[in-house]
PDB file of N, CA and C in Angstrom:
ATOM      1  N   UNK A   1       7.606 -17.993 -12.652  1.00  0.00           N
ATOM      2  CA  UNK A   1       7.761 -16.581 -12.439  1.00  0.00           C
ATOM      3  C   UNK A   1       6.986 -15.336 -11.678  1.00  0.00           C
ATOM      4  N   UNK A   2       6.200 -15.334 -12.075  1.00  0.00           N
ATOM      5  CA  UNK A   2       5.026 -14.528 -10.353  1.00  0.00           C
ATOM      6  C   UNK A   2       5.116 -13.908  -9.791  1.00  0.00           C
ATOM      7  N   UNK A   3       6.138 -15.492  -9.177  1.00  0.00           N
ATOM      8  CA  UNK A   3       6.424 -14.596  -7.884  1.00  0.00           C
ATOM      9  C   UNK A   3       8.458 -14.162  -7.413  1.00  0.00           C
ATOM     10  N   UNK A   4       8.060 -14.088  -8.439  1.00  0.00           N
ATOM     11  CA  UNK A   4      10.028 -13.581  -8.797  1.00  0.00           C
ATOM     12  C   UNK A   4       9.616 -11.027  -8.508  1.00  0.00           C
ATOM     13  N   UNK A   5       8.583 -11.854  -9.583  1.00  0.00           N
ATOM     14  CA  UNK A   5       8.036  -9.983  -9.064  1.00  0.00           C
ATOM     15  C   UNK A   5       7.773  -9.406  -8.438  1.00  0.00           C
ATOM     16  N   UNK A   6       6.684  -9.772  -7.552  1.00  0.00           N
ATOM     17  CA  UNK A   6       5.802  -9.919  -6.341  1.00  0.00           C
ATOM     18  C   UNK A   6       7.499  -9.887  -5.246  1.00  0.00           C
ATOM     19  N   UNK A   7       8.103 -10.401  -5.225  1.00  0.00           N
ATOM     20  CA  UNK A   7       9.186 -10.140  -4.777  1.00  0.00           C
ATOM     21  C   UNK A   7       9.398  -9.123  -4.966  1.00  0.00           C
ATOM     22  N   UNK A   8      10.240  -8.868  -6.123  1.00  0.00           N
ATOM     23  CA  UNK A   8      10.429  -7.412  -6.700  1.00  0.00           C
ATOM     24  C   UNK A   8       9.617  -6.055  -6.280  1.00  0.00           C
ATOM     25  N   UNK A   9       8.094  -6.882  -6.096  1.00  0.00           N
ATOM     26  CA  UNK A   9       7.900  -5.719  -5.108  1.00  0.00           C
ATOM     27  C   UNK A   9       7.290  -4.912  -4.337  1.00  0.00           C
ATOM     28  N   UNK A  10       7.144  -6.005  -3.426  1.00  0.00           N
ATOM     29  CA  UNK A  10       7.703  -6.095  -2.517  1.00  0.00           C
ATOM     30  C   UNK A  10       9.269  -5.309  -1.520  1.00  0.00           C
ATOM     31  N   UNK A  11       9.569  -5.926  -2.262  1.00  0.00           N
ATOM     32  CA  UNK A  11      11.264  -5.219  -2.329  1.00  0.00           C
ATOM     33  C   UNK A  11      11.575  -3.596  -2.255  1.00  0.00           C
ATOM     34  N   UNK A  12      10.388  -3.398  -3.555  1.00  0.00           N
ATOM     35  CA  UNK A  12      10.556  -2.563  -4.334  1.00  0.00           C
ATOM     36  C   UNK A  12       9.345  -1.524  -3.201  1.00  0.00           C
ATOM     37  N   UNK A  13       8.541  -1.869  -2.541  1.00  0.00           N
ATOM     38  CA  UNK A  13       7.530  -1.219  -1.555  1.00  0.00           C
ATOM     39  C   UNK A  13       8.741  -0.200   0.207  1.00  0.00           C
ATOM     40  N   UNK A  14       9.240  -1.651  -0.166  1.00  0.00           N
ATOM     41  CA  UNK A  14      10.184  -1.019   1.005  1.00  0.00           C
ATOM     42  C   UNK A  14      10.928   0.277   0.380  1.00  0.00           C
ATOM     43  N   UNK A  15      11.978   0.277  -0.604  1.00  0.00           N
ATOM     44  CA  UNK A  15      12.395   1.335  -0.632  1.00  0.00           C
ATOM     45  C   UNK A  15      12.487   2.868  -1.151  1.00  0.00           C
ATOM     46  N   UNK A  16      10.991   1.908  -1.429  1.00  0.00           N
ATOM     47  CA  UNK A  16       9.363   3.430  -1.298  1.00  0.00           C
ATOM     48  C   UNK A  16       9.009   4.261  -0.667  1.00  0.00           C
ATOM     49  N   UNK A  17       8.787   3.145   0.855  1.00  0.00           N
ATOM     50  CA  UNK A  17       9.143   3.483   1.968  1.00  0.00           C
ATOM     51  C   UNK A  17      10.650   5.024   2.249  1.00  0.00           C
ATOM     52  N   UNK A  18      11.250   3.850   2.818  1.00  0.00           N
ATOM     53  CA  UNK A  18      12.185   4.536   3.101  1.00  0.00           C
ATOM     54  C   UNK A  18      12.825   5.949   2.186  1.00  0.00           C
ATOM     55  N   UNK A  19      12.147   5.915   1.076  1.00  0.00           N
ATOM     56  CA  UNK A  19      12.570   7.236   0.844  1.00  0.00           C
ATOM     57  C   UNK A  19      11.893   8.518   1.455  1.00  0.00           C
ATOM     58  N   UNK A  20      11.156   8.259   1.495  1.00  0.00           N
ATOM     59  CA  UNK A  20       9.925   9.569   2.793  1.00  0.00           C
ATOM     60  C   UNK A  20      10.817  10.830   3.589  1.00  0.00           C
ATOM     61  N   UNK A  21      11.284   9.596   4.860  1.00  0.00           N
ATOM     62  CA  UNK A  21      11.800  10.287   5.577  1.00  0.00           C
ATOM     63  C   UNK A  21      13.325  10.866   5.370  1.00  0.00           C
ATOM     64  N   UNK A  22      13.996  10.270   4.255  1.00  0.00           N
ATOM     65  CA  UNK A  22      15.181  11.254   4.655  1.00  0.00           C
ATOM     66  C   UNK A  22      15.063  11.657   3.194  1.00  0.00           C
ATOM     67  N   UNK A  23      13.282  12.126   1.894  1.00  0.00           N
ATOM     68  CA  UNK A  23      13.443  13.221   1.058  1.00  0.00           C
ATOM     69  C   UNK A  23      12.968  13.935   2.148  1.00  0.00           C
ATOM     70  N   UNK A  24      12.012  13.450   3.410  1.00  0.00           N
ATOM     71  CA  UNK A  24      11.853  15.303   3.912  1.00  0.00           C
ATOM     72  C   UNK A  24      12.279  15.955   5.024  1.00  0.00           C
ATOM     73  N   UNK A  25      13.772  14.763   5.716  1.00  0.00           N
ATOM     74  CA  UNK A  25      13.981  15.236   6.595  1.00  0.00           C
ATOM     75  C   UNK A  25      14.804  15.860   5.848  1.00  0.00           C
ATOM     76  N   UNK A  26      15.524  15.698   5.044  1.00  0.00           N
ATOM     77  CA  UNK A  26      16.728  16.840   3.972  1.00  0.00           C
ATOM     78  C   UNK A  26      15.917  17.672   3.471  1.00  0.00           C
ATOM     79  N   UNK A  27      15.282  17.953   2.720  1.00  0.00           N
ATOM     80  CA  UNK A  27      13.820  18.761   2.639  1.00  0.00           C
ATOM     81  C   UNK A  27      13.625  19.965   3.149  1.00  0.00           C
ATOM     82  N   UNK A  28      14.090  19.675   4.567  1.00  0.00           N
ATOM     83  CA  UNK A  28      13.215  20.614   5.685  1.00  0.00           C
ATOM     84  C   UNK A  28      14.469  20.995   6.257  1.00  0.00           C
ATOM     85  N   UNK A  29      16.014  20.473   6.008  1.00  0.00           N
ATOM     86  CA  UNK A  29      17.421  21.421   6.406  1.00  0.00           C
ATOM     87  C   UNK A  29      17.018  20.427   7.899  1.00  0.00           C
ATOM     88  N   UNK A  30      16.759  19.305   7.786  1.00  0.00           N
ATOM     89  CA  UNK A  30      17.274  18.613   9.805  1.00  0.00           C
ATOM     90  C   UNK A  30      18.298  17.748   9.356  1.00  0.00           C
ATOM     91  N   UNK A  31      19.591  17.018  10.047  1.00  0.00           N
ATOM     92  CA  UNK A  31      20.037  15.974   9.875  1.00  0.00           C
ATOM     93  C   UNK A  31      18.284  14.409  10.018  1.00  0.00           C
ATOM     94  N   UNK A  32      18.761  12.967  10.426  1.00  0.00           N
ATOM     95  CA  UNK A  32      18.597  12.650  10.759  1.00  0.00           C
ATOM     96  C   UNK A  32      19.198  11.074  10.428  1.00  0.00           C
ATOM     97  N   UNK A  33      18.944  10.417  11.040  1.00  0.00           N
ATOM     98  CA  UNK A  33      19.928   8.953  10.579  1.00  0.00           C
ATOM     99  C   UNK A  33      19.602   8.722   9.407  1.00  0.00           C
ATOM    100  N   UNK A  34      21.059   8.207   9.468  1.00  0.00           N
ATOM    101  CA  UNK A  34      21.720   6.735   7.932  1.00  0.00           C
ATOM    102  C   UNK A  34      22.209   6.375   7.918  1.00  0.00           C
ATOM    103  N   UNK A  35      23.131   5.185   7.290  1.00  0.00           N
ATOM    104  CA  UNK A  35      23.767   4.521   7.210  1.00  0.00           C
ATOM    105  C   UNK A  35      24.774   5.519   6.910  1.00  0.00           C
ATOM    106  N   UNK A  36      25.443   5.799   6.743  1.00  0.00           N
ATOM    107  CA  UNK A  36      26.196   6.965   6.652  1.00  0.00           C
ATOM    108  C   UNK A  36      26.882   7.167   7.823  1.00  0.00           C
ATOM    109  N   UNK A  37      26.410   8.067   8.600  1.00  0.00           N
ATOM    110  CA  UNK A  37      26.095   8.532  10.401  1.00  0.00           C
ATOM    111  C   UNK A  37      27.643   7.226  11.462  1.00  0.00           C
ATOM    112  N   UNK A  38      27.724   7.891  12.063  1.00  0.00           N
ATOM    113  CA  UNK A  38      27.976   7.291  12.582  1.00  0.00           C
ATOM    114  C   UNK A  38      27.852   7.617  14.117  1.00  0.00           C
ATOM    115  N   UNK A  39      27.774   6.373  15.173  1.00  0.00           N
ATOM    116  CA  UNK A  39      27.253   5.198  14.606  1.00  0.00           C
ATOM    117  C   UNK A  39      26.853   5.062  12.940  1.00  0.00           C
ATOM    118  N   UNK A  40      26.428   3.971  11.739  1.00  0.00           N
ATOM    119  CA  UNK A  40      25.254   3.855  11.373  1.00  0.00           C
ATOM    120  C   UNK A  40      24.557   3.630  11.617  1.00  0.00           C
ATOM    121  N   UNK A  41      23.975   4.037  10.873  1.00  0.00           N
ATOM    122  CA  UNK A  41      21.604   4.047  11.506  1.00  0.00           C
ATOM    123  C   UNK A  41      21.205   5.152  12.606  1.00  0.00           C
ATOM    124  N   UNK A  42      21.993   5.036  13.696  1.00  0.00           N
ATOM    125  CA  UNK A  42      22.194   5.991  14.136  1.00  0.00           C
ATOM    126  C   UNK A  42      22.040   7.272  14.810  1.00  0.00           C
ATOM    127  N   UNK A  43      23.592   7.621  14.434  1.00  0.00           N
ATOM    128  CA  UNK A  43      24.094   8.710  14.227  1.00  0.00           C
ATOM    129  C   UNK A  43      23.115   9.634  13.709  1.00  0.00           C
ATOM    130  N   UNK A  44      23.589  11.389  13.357  1.00  0.00           N
ATOM    131  CA  UNK A  44      22.234  12.534  12.621  1.00  0.00           C
ATOM    132  C   UNK A  44      23.491  12.473  11.023  1.00  0.00           C
ATOM    133  N   UNK A  45      22.692  11.939  10.271  1.00  0.00           N
ATOM    134  CA  UNK A  45      24.127  12.738   8.918  1.00  0.00           C
ATOM    135  C   UNK A  45      22.757  14.084   8.479  1.00  0.00           C
ATOM    136  N   UNK A  46      23.739  14.426   7.607  1.00  0.00           N
ATOM    137  CA  UNK A  46      23.436  15.524   7.061  1.00  0.00           C
ATOM    138  C   UNK A  46      22.190  16.210   5.748  1.00  0.00           C
ATOM    139  N   UNK A  47      20.861  16.983   6.033  1.00  0.00           N
ATOM    140  CA  UNK A  47      20.551  17.122   5.695  1.00  0.00           C
ATOM    141  C   UNK A  47      20.171  16.800   3.538  1.00  0.00           C
ATOM    142  N   UNK A  48      21.596  17.308   3.262  1.00  0.00           N
ATOM    143  CA  UNK A  48      22.135  16.550   2.095  1.00  0.00           C
ATOM    144  C   UNK A  48      22.362  15.499   1.772  1.00  0.00           C
ATOM    145  N   UNK A  49      23.285  14.891   2.556  1.00  0.00           N
ATOM    146  CA  UNK A  49      23.207  13.608   2.740  1.00  0.00           C
ATOM    147  C   UNK A  49      21.790  12.442   2.663  1.00  0.00           C
ATOM    148  N   UNK A  50      20.489  12.693   3.283  1.00  0.00           N
ATOM    149  CA  UNK A  50      19.974  12.555   3.294  1.00  0.00           C
ATOM    150  C   UNK A  50      18.561  12.634   2.284  1.00  0.00           C
ATOM    151  N   UNK A  51      19.487  13.767   1.806  1.00  0.00           N
ATOM    152  CA  UNK A  51      18.294  13.733   0.300  1.00  0.00           C
ATOM    153  C   UNK A  51      18.673  12.324  -0.775  1.00  0.00           C
ATOM    154  N   UNK A  52      20.078  12.379  -0.621  1.00  0.00           N
ATOM    155  CA  UNK A  52      20.992  11.735  -1.526  1.00  0.00           C
ATOM    156  C   UNK A  52      20.506  10.518  -1.723  1.00  0.00           C
ATOM    157  N   UNK A  53      20.530  10.237  -0.369  1.00  0.00           N
ATOM    158  CA  UNK A  53      20.246   8.985   0.129  1.00  0.00           C
ATOM    159  C   UNK A  53      18.800   8.821   0.072  1.00  0.00           C
ATOM    160  N   UNK A  54      17.798   9.759   0.462  1.00  0.00           N
ATOM    161  CA  UNK A  54      16.387   9.346  -0.178  1.00  0.00           C
ATOM    162  C   UNK A  54      16.279   8.690  -1.509  1.00  0.00           C
ATOM    163  N   UNK A  55      16.688  10.110  -2.884  1.00  0.00           N
ATOM    164  CA  UNK A  55      16.525   9.972  -3.493  1.00  0.00           C
ATOM    165  C   UNK A  55      16.896   8.673  -4.596  1.00  0.00           C
ATOM    166  N   UNK A  56      18.457   7.625  -4.218  1.00  0.00           N
ATOM    167  CA  UNK A  56      18.461   6.737  -4.499  1.00  0.00           C
ATOM    168  C   UNK A  56      18.004   5.749  -4.053  1.00  0.00           C
ATOM    169  N   UNK A  57      17.142   5.979  -2.617  1.00  0.00           N
ATOM    170  CA  UNK A  57      16.021   5.190  -2.009  1.00  0.00           C
ATOM    171  C   UNK A  57      14.890   4.971  -3.232  1.00  0.00           C
ATOM    172  N   UNK A  58      14.321   5.637  -3.394  1.00  0.00           N
ATOM    173  CA  UNK A  58      13.426   5.973  -4.688  1.00  0.00           C
ATOM    174  C   UNK A  58      14.219   5.746  -6.784  1.00  0.00           C
ATOM    175  N   UNK A  59      15.365   6.306  -6.670  1.00  0.00           N
ATOM    176  CA  UNK A  59      14.671   5.172  -8.472  1.00  0.00           C
ATOM    177  C   UNK A  59      16.057   3.648  -7.996  1.00  0.00           C
ATOM    178  N   UNK A  60      15.532   2.890  -7.084  1.00  0.00           N
ATOM    179  CA  UNK A  60      15.676   1.909  -6.045  1.00  0.00           C
ATOM    180  C   UNK A  60      14.041   0.556  -6.061  1.00  0.00           C
ATOM    181  N   UNK A  61      13.270   1.878  -6.029  1.00  0.00           N
ATOM    182  CA  UNK A  61      11.663   1.336  -5.583  1.00  0.00           C
ATOM    183  C   UNK A  61      11.578   1.224  -7.034  1.00  0.00           C
ATOM    184  N   UNK A  62      11.951   2.835  -7.664  1.00  0.00           N
ATOM    185  CA  UNK A  62      11.141   2.809  -8.629  1.00  0.00           C
ATOM    186  C   UNK A  62      11.211   1.504 -10.128  1.00  0.00           C
ATOM    187  N   UNK A  63      12.769   1.360 -10.029  1.00  0.00           N
ATOM    188  CA  UNK A  63      12.942   0.051 -11.373  1.00  0.00           C
ATOM    189  C   UNK A  63      12.134  -0.981 -10.274  1.00  0.00           C
ATOM    190  N   UNK A  64      12.754  -1.221  -9.252  1.00  0.00           N
ATOM    191  CA  UNK A  64      11.905  -2.668  -8.615  1.00  0.00           C
ATOM    192  C   UNK A  64      10.678  -2.315  -9.309  1.00  0.00           C
ATOM    193  N   UNK A  65       9.409  -1.252  -9.331  1.00  0.00           N
ATOM    194  CA  UNK A  65       8.684  -1.770  -9.658  1.00  0.00           C
ATOM    195  C   UNK A  65       7.400  -1.691 -10.752  1.00  0.00           C
ATOM    196  N   UNK A  66       8.350  -0.749 -11.756  1.00  0.00           N
ATOM    197  CA  UNK A  66       7.900  -0.202 -12.713  1.00  0.00           C
ATOM    198  C   UNK A  66       8.473  -0.800 -13.288  1.00  0.00           C
ATOM    199  N   UNK A  67      10.365  -1.243 -13.419  1.00  0.00           N
ATOM    200  CA  UNK A  67      11.049  -1.134 -14.798  1.00  0.00           C
ATOM    201  C   UNK A  67      11.187  -3.349 -14.709  1.00  0.00           C
ATOM    202  N   UNK A  68      10.193  -3.599 -13.377  1.00  0.00           N
ATOM    203  CA  UNK A  68       9.972  -5.010 -13.784  1.00  0.00           C
ATOM    204  C   UNK A  68       8.904  -5.709 -13.449  1.00  0.00           C
ATOM    205  N   UNK A  69       8.753  -6.547 -14.705  1.00  0.00           N
ATOM    206  CA  UNK A  69       7.200  -7.654 -14.458  1.00  0.00           C
ATOM    207  C   UNK A  69       5.968  -6.480 -15.808  1.00  0.00           C
ATOM    208  N   UNK A  70       4.888  -6.565 -14.990  1.00  0.00           N
ATOM    209  CA  UNK A  70       3.529  -5.450 -16.209  1.00  0.00           C
ATOM    210  C   UNK A  70       3.276  -4.663 -14.537  1.00  0.00           C
ATOM    211  N   UNK A  71       3.685  -4.012 -13.464  1.00  0.00           N
ATOM    212  CA  UNK A  71       3.133  -4.046 -12.108  1.00  0.00           C
ATOM    213  C   UNK A  71       1.276  -2.911 -12.169  1.00  0.00           C
ATOM    214  N   UNK A  72       0.564  -3.504 -12.219  1.00  0.00           N
ATOM    215  CA  UNK A  72      -0.699  -2.635 -11.720  1.00  0.00           C
ATOM    216  C   UNK A  72      -1.121  -2.641 -10.228  1.00  0.00           C
ATOM    217  N   UNK A  73      -2.132  -1.649 -10.406  1.00  0.00           N
ATOM    218  CA  UNK A  73      -2.303  -1.566  -8.812  1.00  0.00           C
ATOM    219  C   UNK A  73      -3.380  -2.145  -8.549  1.00  0.00           C
ATOM    220  N   UNK A  74      -4.517  -1.419  -9.891  1.00  0.00           N
ATOM    221  CA  UNK A  74      -5.818  -2.804  -9.556  1.00  0.00           C
ATOM    222  C   UNK A  74      -5.512  -4.569  -9.594  1.00  0.00           C
ATOM    223  N   UNK A  75      -3.746  -5.233  -9.906  1.00  0.00           N
ATOM    224  CA  UNK A  75      -3.798  -6.102  -9.537  1.00  0.00           C
ATOM    225  C   UNK A  75      -3.653  -6.479  -7.636  1.00  0.00           C
ATOM    226  N   UNK A  76      -4.491  -7.201  -7.404  1.00  0.00           N
ATOM    227  CA  UNK A  76      -4.566  -7.319  -6.093  1.00  0.00           C
ATOM    228  C   UNK A  76      -3.220  -8.829  -5.217  1.00  0.00           C
ATOM    229  N   UNK A  77      -2.848  -8.557  -6.227  1.00  0.00           N
ATOM    230  CA  UNK A  77      -1.023  -9.428  -5.236  1.00  0.00           C
ATOM    231  C   UNK A  77      -0.587  -8.089  -5.254  1.00  0.00           C
ATOM    232  N   UNK A  78      -0.542  -7.652  -6.593  1.00  0.00           N
ATOM    233  CA  UNK A  78       0.676  -6.421  -6.890  1.00  0.00           C
ATOM    234  C   UNK A  78       0.402  -5.353  -5.899  1.00  0.00           C
ATOM    235  N   UNK A  79      -0.654  -4.991  -5.497  1.00  0.00           N
ATOM    236  CA  UNK A  79      -1.212  -3.815  -4.522  1.00  0.00           C
ATOM    237  C   UNK A  79      -0.174  -4.327  -3.629  1.00  0.00           C
ATOM    238  N   UNK A  80      -0.823  -6.029  -3.223  1.00  0.00           N
ATOM    239  CA  UNK A  80      -0.639  -6.845  -1.556  1.00  0.00           C
ATOM    240  C   UNK A  80       1.144  -6.356  -1.422  1.00  0.00           C
ATOM    241  N   UNK A  81       1.461  -6.975  -2.048  1.00  0.00           N
ATOM    242  CA  UNK A  81       3.096  -7.208  -1.924  1.00  0.00           C
ATOM    243  C   UNK A  81       3.683  -5.483  -1.597  1.00  0.00           C
ATOM    244  N   UNK A  82       3.798  -4.842  -2.716  1.00  0.00           N
ATOM    245  CA  UNK A  82       4.414  -3.050  -2.713  1.00  0.00           C
ATOM    246  C   UNK A  82       3.315  -3.242  -1.161  1.00  0.00           C
ATOM    247  N   UNK A  83       2.711  -3.297  -0.692  1.00  0.00           N
ATOM    248  CA  UNK A  83       1.967  -2.690  -0.414  1.00  0.00           C
ATOM    249  C   UNK A  83       2.287  -3.813   1.345  1.00  0.00           C
ATOM    250  N   UNK A  84       2.972  -4.435   1.429  1.00  0.00           N
ATOM    251  CA  UNK A  84       3.184  -5.260   2.639  1.00  0.00           C
ATOM    252  C   UNK A  84       4.535  -4.704   3.292  1.00  0.00           C
ATOM    253  N   UNK A  85       5.521  -4.894   1.860  1.00  0.00           N
ATOM    254  CA  UNK A  85       6.939  -4.067   1.608  1.00  0.00           C
ATOM    255  C   UNK A  85       6.859  -2.633   2.889  1.00  0.00           C
ATOM    256  N   UNK A  86       5.992  -1.686   2.143  1.00  0.00           N
ATOM    257  CA  UNK A  86       5.562  -0.871   2.593  1.00  0.00           C
ATOM    258  C   UNK A  86       5.250  -0.653   4.246  1.00  0.00           C
ATOM    259  N   UNK A  87       4.702  -1.521   4.644  1.00  0.00           N
ATOM    260  CA  UNK A  87       4.258  -1.245   5.358  1.00  0.00           C
ATOM    261  C   UNK A  87       5.023  -2.121   6.660  1.00  0.00           C
ATOM    262  N   UNK A  88       6.179  -2.859   6.650  1.00  0.00           N
ATOM    263  CA  UNK A  88       6.374  -3.796   7.472  1.00  0.00           C
ATOM    264  C   UNK A  88       7.629  -2.838   7.753  1.00  0.00           C
ATOM    265  N   UNK A  89       8.785  -2.322   6.573  1.00  0.00           N
ATOM    266  CA  UNK A  89       9.794  -1.681   6.885  1.00  0.00           C
ATOM    267  C   UNK A  89       8.954  -0.460   7.390  1.00  0.00           C
ATOM    268  N   UNK A  90       7.211  -0.058   7.586  1.00  0.00           N
ATOM    269  CA  UNK A  90       6.977   1.579   8.092  1.00  0.00           C
ATOM    270  C   UNK A  90       7.337   1.214   9.409  1.00  0.00           C
ATOM    271  N   UNK A  91       6.555  -0.188  10.653  1.00  0.00           N
ATOM    272  CA  UNK A  91       6.546   0.026  11.044  1.00  0.00           C
ATOM    273  C   UNK A  91       7.932  -0.378  11.933  1.00  0.00           C
ATOM    274  N   UNK A  92       8.952  -0.968  11.553  1.00  0.00           N
ATOM    275  CA  UNK A  92      10.560  -0.591  11.219  1.00  0.00           C
ATOM    276  C   UNK A  92      10.970   0.022  11.973  1.00  0.00           C
ATOM    277  N   UNK A  93      11.033   1.172  11.107  1.00  0.00           N
ATOM    278  CA  UNK A  93      12.023   1.943  10.724  1.00  0.00           C
ATOM    279  C   UNK A  93      10.658   2.938  12.336  1.00  0.00           C
ATOM    280  N   UNK A  94       9.161   2.792  11.957  1.00  0.00           N
ATOM    281  CA  UNK A  94       8.950   3.730  13.802  1.00  0.00           C
ATOM    282  C   UNK A  94       9.366   3.121  14.652  1.00  0.00           C
ATOM    283  N   UNK A  95       9.664   2.151  14.698  1.00  0.00           N
ATOM    284  CA  UNK A  95      10.197   1.371  16.207  1.00  0.00           C
ATOM    285  C   UNK A  95      11.444   1.711  16.767  1.00  0.00           C
ATOM    286  N   UNK A  96      12.371   1.749  15.252  1.00  0.00           N
ATOM    287  CA  UNK A  96      13.904   1.692  15.439  1.00  0.00           C
ATOM    288  C   UNK A  96      14.194   3.149  15.174  1.00  0.00           C
ATOM    289  N   UNK A  97      14.413   4.141  14.943  1.00  0.00           N
ATOM    290  CA  UNK A  97      13.640   5.503  14.684  1.00  0.00           C
ATOM    291  C   UNK A  97      13.253   6.257  16.146  1.00  0.00           C
ATOM    292  N   UNK A  98      12.509   5.533  16.212  1.00  0.00           N
ATOM    293  CA  UNK A  98      11.670   6.604  17.839  1.00  0.00           C
ATOM    294  C   UNK A  98      12.908   6.492  18.704  1.00  0.00           C
ATOM    295  N   UNK A  99      13.464   5.444  18.885  1.00  0.00           N
ATOM    296  CA  UNK A  99      14.262   5.432  20.209  1.00  0.00           C
ATOM    297  C   UNK A  99      15.201   7.069  20.111  1.00  0.00           C
ATOM    298  N   UNK A 100      15.349   7.168  19.042  1.00  0.00           N
ATOM    299  CA  UNK A 100      15.791   8.198  19.158  1.00  0.00           C
ATOM    300  C   UNK A 100      15.437   9.639  18.662  1.00  0.00           C
ATOM    301  N   UNK A 101      14.122   9.838  18.580  1.00  0.00           N
ATOM    302  CA  UNK A 101      13.741  11.889  18.661  1.00  0.00           C
ATOM    303  C   UNK A 101      12.068  11.320  19.658  1.00  0.00           C
ATOM    304  N   UNK A 102      11.944  10.632  20.387  1.00  0.00           N
ATOM    305  CA  UNK A 102      10.880  10.579  20.911  1.00  0.00           C
ATOM    306  C   UNK A 102       9.643  10.173  20.683  1.00  0.00           C
ATOM    307  N   UNK A 103       9.661   8.864  19.402  1.00  0.00           N
ATOM    308  CA  UNK A 103       8.511   8.274  19.413  1.00  0.00           C
ATOM    309  C   UNK A 103       7.918   6.636  19.804  1.00  0.00           C
ATOM    310  N   UNK A 104       8.774   5.928  20.895  1.00  0.00           N
ATOM    311  CA  UNK A 104       8.279   5.262  21.449  1.00  0.00           C
ATOM    312  C   UNK A 104       7.215   5.412  22.478  1.00  0.00           C
ATOM    313  N   UNK A 105       6.869   6.390  22.655  1.00  0.00           N
ATOM    314  CA  UNK A 105       5.827   6.862  24.184  1.00  0.00           C
ATOM    315  C   UNK A 105       5.360   5.816  24.264  1.00  0.00           C
ATOM    316  N   UNK A 106       4.091   5.753  24.984  1.00  0.00           N
ATOM    317  CA  UNK A 106       2.943   4.747  25.086  1.00  0.00           C
ATOM    318  C   UNK A 106       2.003   5.516  25.238  1.00  0.00           C
ATOM    319  N   UNK A 107       1.131   5.903  24.300  1.00  0.00           N
ATOM    320  CA  UNK A 107      -0.002   5.856  23.678  1.00  0.00           C
ATOM    321  C   UNK A 107      -0.699   6.436  24.978  1.00  0.00           C
ATOM    322  N   UNK A 108      -1.590   6.648  24.495  1.00  0.00           N
ATOM    323  CA  UNK A 108      -2.558   8.099  26.701  1.00  0.00           C
ATOM    324  C   UNK A 108      -3.693   8.132  25.124  1.00  0.00           C
ATOM    325  N   UNK A 109      -4.742   7.546  27.244  1.00  0.00           N
ATOM    326  CA  UNK A 109      -5.560   8.092  26.675  1.00  0.00           C
ATOM    327  C   UNK A 109      -7.219   9.082  27.475  1.00  0.00           C
TER     328      UNK A 109
END
């Protein structure tokens, strides 16, 4: 059953990381891509939609991490599962949204 808890923490990390850009953009009053835009994931949604979408992601992430099993940051496997989900969706989002927001330019030294 431990692997089910770790899977829940992994997806919890995904949802928690996904909440960040939507909440921040929405709270700053800026439009941002969301699944509700046209086309989905590419067009811009209003700041209100992004706050609501970000908050829903936060609630789902909280539920997956804090209400399933007994998550603790001092347990390396728990923290690694959460961190892996957070990192993977962050890398994906950076590449995906970088196409629209100018973030995929090569680094210069």
